[in-house]
Amino acid sequence: MKLHDLKAQGLDLQENIPLSRYTFTQTGGPAEYLAFPKSLEELRAVLAAAREDGLPITVIGNASNLIIRDKGIKGLVLILTGMNEIKVEDSRVRAQAGARIIDTSFAAGKAGLSGLEFAAGIPGSVGGAVFMNAGAYGGETKDCLESATVVTRSGELKTYSNQELNFSYRHSLLQENDEIVIEAVFALKKGDKATILDQMNYLNALRSYKQPLEYPSCGSVFKRPVGHFVGPMLIAAGLQGKQIGGAQVSTKHAGFIVNKGGATATDYLNLIHYIQKTIKEKDGIALQTEVRIIGEE
């Protein structure tokens, strides 16, 4: 069965759609095909159809820590936000890949479960959080993830334990094997509901105070070099407020690049390269991007 056959059967499939509609930077070129599967069965059917059509497959999660180049993405792009069920099971939370990690965190908090407070303000999906080992305020996904179920490009289901996912700073095994997260299980600890929710609300207030949430952005752009913090490094180098096109090093938090209006992905990439070159020359440090950069060159 081919993609257009699935569309006739009810698959939400679109063609030549600007991905700027879905990225948090509000930049990015078109997807040749864009699909929103709503179940594992539909996802597996989409993967099979893409293989039959000879199309490459790209999964973009919630597109919150992502830059898609202006020429877009060839083949099939998948967004799994329709697979967003969250279940609390005793001291565990089971969440589908398309659920927001924020919603998963609050579901845990409202059930009096502690361990996901750090994720209360992370705007990505559960699948993206596992893929990137997302973290904030001293916590990381690896700290509370028990297991993740994935589907391979050929449609096979596999479950990985925390240890098997080979987590490290902003890294997991899934960045190397092209498998797609469909569900994650978080093992948490029972605690006082009010205390947990207070901590989550405090972290969100802190985030709102420190981060430029009033502008589109891709979150924290660079990985933290050992022994350094990116924001202060950029400030010391005179880079805060530096702007190329519509992309600007945030004047509120220099670790963020914001879209001040009309920015393109090329503006973002040119500014990233300028920052990397400046910091390398000034401090001898090669800044590595945390944000994922994909799409046609």
Protein backbone atom coordinates (compact mmCIF):
# COMPACT_ATOMS: atom_id res chain seq x y z
CA MET A 1 0.00 0.00 0.00
CA LYS A 2 1.26 3.48 -0.86
CA LEU A 3 0.97 6.76 1.02
CA HIS A 4 -1.87 8.11 -1.08
CA ASP A 5 -3.82 4.91 -0.44
CA LEU A 6 -3.47 5.54 3.30
CA LYS A 7 -4.67 9.11 2.83
CA ALA A 8 -7.78 7.76 1.15
CA GLN A 9 -8.28 5.58 4.24
CA GLY A 10 -8.12 8.59 6.60
CA LEU A 11 -4.42 9.23 7.26
CA ASP A 12 -3.71 12.92 7.89
CA LEU A 13 -1.23 13.38 5.01
CA GLN A 14 -0.22 16.71 3.51
CA GLU A 15 2.15 17.64 0.69
CA ASN A 16 4.65 20.49 0.31
CA ILE A 17 3.75 22.00 3.68
CA PRO A 18 6.05 24.69 5.20
CA LEU A 19 7.55 23.24 8.37
CA SER A 20 7.83 26.77 9.78
CA ARG A 21 4.22 26.19 10.84
CA TYR A 22 5.41 23.54 13.30
CA THR A 23 8.90 24.58 14.49
CA PHE A 24 9.33 26.68 17.62
CA THR A 25 11.65 29.04 15.69
CA GLN A 26 8.88 29.58 13.10
CA THR A 27 11.46 28.87 10.39
CA GLY A 28 12.08 25.97 8.03
CA GLY A 29 11.34 24.92 4.47
CA PRO A 30 8.67 22.54 3.18
CA ALA A 31 8.13 18.86 3.81
CA GLU A 32 7.62 16.88 0.62
CA TYR A 33 5.10 14.77 2.57
CA LEU A 34 3.94 15.37 6.13
CA ALA A 35 1.95 12.79 8.09
CA PHE A 36 0.35 12.74 11.54
CA PRO A 37 -0.28 9.08 12.48
CA LYS A 38 -2.66 8.67 15.41
CA SER A 39 -1.84 5.11 16.47
CA LEU A 40 0.91 2.50 16.36
CA GLU A 41 -1.01 0.64 13.66
CA GLU A 42 -1.24 3.76 11.52
CA LEU A 43 2.44 4.56 12.14
CA ARG A 44 3.52 1.09 11.03
CA ALA A 45 1.35 1.36 7.93
CA VAL A 46 2.91 4.75 7.12
CA LEU A 47 6.43 3.36 7.52
CA ALA A 48 5.59 0.44 5.23
CA ALA A 49 4.07 2.76 2.62
CA ALA A 50 7.09 5.06 2.70
CA ARG A 51 9.36 2.07 2.14
CA GLU A 52 7.21 0.98 -0.81
CA ASP A 53 7.34 4.52 -2.24
CA GLY A 54 11.12 4.66 -1.67
CA LEU A 55 10.88 7.73 0.56
CA PRO A 56 13.34 8.69 3.30
CA ILE A 57 11.67 9.17 6.70
CA THR A 58 12.30 11.98 9.21
CA VAL A 59 10.67 12.27 12.64
CA ILE A 60 10.63 15.79 14.09
CA GLY A 61 8.85 15.36 17.43
CA ASN A 62 7.46 18.62 18.79
CA ALA A 63 10.14 20.59 16.85
CA SER A 64 11.08 22.63 19.93
CA ASN A 65 14.87 22.07 19.86
CA LEU A 66 15.20 21.85 16.09
CA ILE A 67 16.30 23.93 13.12
CA ILE A 68 15.06 22.82 9.70
CA ARG A 69 17.00 24.33 6.81
CA ASP A 70 15.18 26.60 4.38
CA LYS A 71 15.14 24.04 1.56
CA GLY A 72 13.05 21.75 3.74
CA ILE A 73 13.02 17.97 3.95
CA LYS A 74 12.69 15.47 1.12
CA GLY A 75 10.57 12.38 1.59
CA LEU A 76 8.20 11.78 4.48
CA VAL A 77 8.18 13.82 7.69
CA LEU A 78 6.36 12.35 10.70
CA ILE A 79 4.89 14.29 13.60
CA LEU A 80 3.58 12.00 16.35
CA THR A 81 1.59 14.53 18.38
CA GLY A 82 -1.56 12.49 17.70
CA MET A 83 -0.06 9.66 19.79
CA ASN A 84 -0.23 11.47 23.12
CA GLU A 85 -1.82 9.20 25.75
CA ILE A 86 -0.50 9.47 29.32
CA LYS A 87 -1.31 6.86 31.99
CA VAL A 88 -0.38 6.83 35.67
CA GLU A 89 0.20 3.29 36.95
CA ASP A 90 0.99 3.21 40.67
CA SER A 91 4.46 4.84 40.87
CA ARG A 92 5.05 4.80 37.11
CA VAL A 93 3.92 7.07 34.30
CA ARG A 94 3.50 5.59 30.83
CA ALA A 95 3.42 8.19 28.04
CA GLN A 96 3.21 7.92 24.28
CA ALA A 97 5.92 9.61 22.24
CA GLY A 98 3.76 12.48 21.02
CA ALA A 99 2.68 13.57 24.50
CA ARG A 100 4.32 16.75 25.71
CA ILE A 101 6.90 16.13 28.42
CA ILE A 102 5.35 19.12 30.27
CA ASP A 103 1.97 17.36 30.37
CA THR A 104 3.66 14.13 31.47
CA SER A 105 5.42 15.97 34.27
CA PHE A 106 2.20 17.55 35.53
CA ALA A 107 0.32 14.25 35.30
CA ALA A 108 2.98 12.80 37.59
CA GLY A 109 2.85 15.77 39.95
CA LYS A 110 -0.93 15.65 40.24
CA ALA A 111 -0.63 11.95 41.14
CA GLY A 112 1.85 12.78 43.90
CA LEU A 113 4.81 11.29 42.01
CA SER A 114 8.24 12.92 42.18
CA GLY A 115 11.12 12.73 39.70
CA LEU A 116 9.85 14.61 36.66
CA GLU A 117 9.71 18.08 38.22
CA PHE A 118 12.72 19.22 36.15
CA ALA A 119 10.66 18.70 32.94
CA ALA A 120 7.79 20.98 33.95
CA GLY A 121 8.94 23.67 31.52
CA ILE A 122 10.58 21.65 28.74
CA PRO A 123 8.44 22.22 25.62
CA GLY A 124 9.40 19.05 23.71
CA SER A 125 7.63 15.73 23.28
CA VAL A 126 8.26 12.58 25.30
CA GLY A 127 9.87 10.97 22.26
CA GLY A 128 12.13 13.98 21.78
CA ALA A 129 13.05 13.99 25.47
CA VAL A 130 14.16 10.36 25.28
CA PHE A 131 15.96 10.88 21.96
CA MET A 132 17.89 13.92 23.28
CA ASN A 133 18.10 12.95 26.96
CA ALA A 134 16.47 16.31 27.59
CA GLY A 135 17.16 18.01 30.87
CA ALA A 136 16.85 21.20 32.90
CA TYR A 137 17.57 22.48 36.40
CA GLY A 138 19.84 19.60 37.35
CA GLY A 139 17.59 16.79 36.10
CA GLU A 140 17.75 14.68 32.95
CA THR A 141 15.43 12.19 31.28
CA LYS A 142 17.85 9.36 32.08
CA ASP A 143 17.38 10.00 35.82
CA CYS A 144 13.81 8.68 35.84
CA LEU A 145 13.26 6.76 32.60
CA GLU A 146 12.72 3.04 33.17
CA SER A 147 12.29 1.93 29.57
CA ALA A 148 11.37 3.06 26.08
CA THR A 149 9.53 1.16 23.37
CA VAL A 150 10.53 1.91 19.79
CA VAL A 151 9.52 0.88 16.30
CA THR A 152 12.21 0.26 13.69
CA ARG A 153 11.95 1.59 10.15
CA SER A 154 10.89 -1.92 9.12
CA GLY A 155 8.02 -1.90 11.66
CA GLU A 156 9.56 -4.14 14.35
CA LEU A 157 8.81 -3.32 18.00
CA LYS A 158 11.65 -3.27 20.55
CA THR A 159 11.90 -2.22 24.18
CA TYR A 160 15.09 -0.78 25.67
CA SER A 161 15.98 -0.45 29.34
CA ASN A 162 17.49 2.76 30.64
CA GLN A 163 20.97 1.22 30.55
CA GLU A 164 20.56 -0.06 26.99
CA LEU A 165 19.76 3.44 25.74
CA ASN A 166 23.36 4.49 26.45
CA PHE A 167 22.41 7.91 27.78
CA SER A 168 24.91 10.72 28.15
CA TYR A 169 24.69 14.52 28.04
CA ARG A 170 22.04 15.32 25.38
CA HIS A 171 22.62 11.91 23.79
CA SER A 172 20.98 8.51 23.49
CA LEU A 173 21.44 5.38 21.41
CA LEU A 174 18.44 6.47 19.33
CA GLN A 175 20.51 9.21 17.70
CA GLU A 176 22.56 6.46 16.08
CA ASN A 177 20.08 3.73 15.09
CA ASP A 178 17.15 5.56 13.41
CA GLU A 179 14.55 3.86 15.60
CA ILE A 180 11.42 5.79 16.56
CA VAL A 181 10.23 6.14 20.16
CA ILE A 182 6.55 5.29 20.54
CA GLU A 183 6.27 5.06 24.34
CA ALA A 184 8.27 5.76 27.48
CA VAL A 185 7.84 4.50 31.05
CA PHE A 186 9.06 6.71 33.90
CA ALA A 187 9.73 5.13 37.32
CA LEU A 188 9.01 7.76 39.97
CA LYS A 189 8.80 8.10 43.75
CA LYS A 190 5.71 8.82 45.77
CA GLY A 191 5.78 12.19 47.49
CA ASP A 192 3.66 15.06 48.69
CA LYS A 193 1.51 16.36 45.84
CA ALA A 194 1.48 19.98 47.01
CA THR A 195 5.27 20.06 47.47
CA ILE A 196 5.86 18.53 44.05
CA LEU A 197 3.51 20.95 42.26
CA ASP A 198 5.00 23.91 44.16
CA GLN A 199 8.47 22.93 42.92
CA MET A 200 7.21 22.62 39.35
CA ASN A 201 5.49 26.00 39.48
CA TYR A 202 8.64 27.54 40.98
CA LEU A 203 10.81 26.15 38.15
CA ASN A 204 8.36 27.46 35.55
CA ALA A 205 8.38 30.90 37.16
CA LEU A 206 12.19 30.82 37.15
CA ARG A 207 12.18 29.80 33.49
CA SER A 208 9.80 32.61 32.59
CA TYR A 209 11.98 35.11 34.45
CA LYS A 210 15.26 33.99 32.88
CA GLN A 211 14.36 32.81 29.37
CA PRO A 212 13.09 34.83 26.37
CA LEU A 213 9.74 33.06 26.11
CA GLU A 214 8.19 36.12 24.48
CA TYR A 215 9.95 35.32 21.18
CA PRO A 216 10.11 32.18 19.02
CA SER A 217 13.31 30.21 19.68
CA CYS A 218 14.75 26.71 19.57
CA GLY A 219 15.64 26.69 23.25
CA SER A 220 19.21 26.35 24.41
CA VAL A 221 21.36 26.36 21.25
CA PHE A 222 24.74 25.05 22.46
CA LYS A 223 25.86 22.22 24.68
CA ARG A 224 27.55 23.37 27.87
CA PRO A 225 31.33 22.98 27.59
CA VAL A 226 32.97 21.32 30.59
CA GLY A 227 33.76 23.98 33.18
CA HIS A 228 31.88 26.77 31.40
CA PHE A 229 28.43 28.27 30.93
CA VAL A 230 27.51 29.35 27.41
CA GLY A 231 25.53 32.50 28.25
CA PRO A 232 28.31 34.23 30.23
CA MET A 233 30.87 33.22 27.56
CA LEU A 234 28.82 34.92 24.87
CA ILE A 235 28.29 38.01 27.00
CA ALA A 236 32.03 38.29 27.69
CA ALA A 237 32.67 37.99 23.94
CA GLY A 238 30.31 40.88 23.22
CA LEU A 239 27.85 38.63 21.39
CA GLN A 240 24.69 39.33 23.37
CA GLY A 241 22.30 41.19 21.07
CA LYS A 242 24.25 40.21 17.95
CA GLN A 243 21.78 39.90 15.10
CA ILE A 244 21.92 38.42 11.60
CA GLY A 245 18.75 38.92 9.61
CA GLY A 246 15.87 38.23 11.96
CA ALA A 247 17.87 35.96 14.30
CA GLN A 248 19.31 37.53 17.46
CA VAL A 249 21.34 36.35 20.44
CA SER A 250 18.76 37.04 23.12
CA THR A 251 19.28 40.13 25.24
CA LYS A 252 17.50 38.30 28.08
CA HIS A 253 19.47 35.01 28.00
CA ALA A 254 22.52 34.83 25.73
CA GLY A 255 22.28 31.04 25.47
CA PHE A 256 19.17 31.46 23.29
CA ILE A 257 18.79 32.69 19.72
CA VAL A 258 15.38 34.27 19.12
CA ASN A 259 13.39 35.10 16.02
CA LYS A 260 12.89 38.86 16.25
CA GLY A 261 10.68 38.77 13.17
CA GLY A 262 11.08 37.34 9.70
CA ALA A 263 14.10 35.17 10.55
CA THR A 264 15.02 32.31 8.26
CA ALA A 265 16.78 29.09 9.17
CA THR A 266 19.76 30.46 7.22
CA ASP A 267 19.83 33.50 9.54
CA TYR A 268 19.93 31.10 12.51
CA LEU A 269 22.70 28.98 11.01
CA ASN A 270 24.79 32.00 10.01
CA LEU A 271 24.50 33.39 13.53
CA ILE A 272 25.41 30.01 15.07
CA HIS A 273 28.51 29.77 12.86
CA TYR A 274 29.48 33.36 13.71
CA ILE A 275 29.21 32.59 17.44
CA GLN A 276 31.24 29.39 17.09
CA LYS A 277 33.97 31.19 15.15
CA THR A 278 34.11 34.08 17.66
CA ILE A 279 34.29 31.83 20.74
CA LYS A 280 36.89 29.56 19.12
CA GLU A 281 39.11 32.57 18.35
CA LYS A 282 38.60 34.24 21.74
CA ASP A 283 38.50 31.29 24.15
CA GLY A 284 39.83 28.36 22.14
CA ILE A 285 36.60 26.44 22.79
CA ALA A 286 34.68 24.66 20.03
CA LEU A 287 31.03 25.14 20.91
CA GLN A 288 28.87 22.18 19.91
CA THR A 289 25.21 22.64 19.05
CA GLU A 290 22.58 21.13 21.31
CA VAL A 291 19.86 22.06 18.84
CA ARG A 292 19.31 19.45 16.11
CA ILE A 293 19.88 20.80 12.57
CA ILE A 294 18.32 18.88 9.69
CA GLY A 295 17.04 19.38 6.14
CA GLU A 296 18.35 19.94 2.63
CA GLU A 297 21.61 21.87 2.30
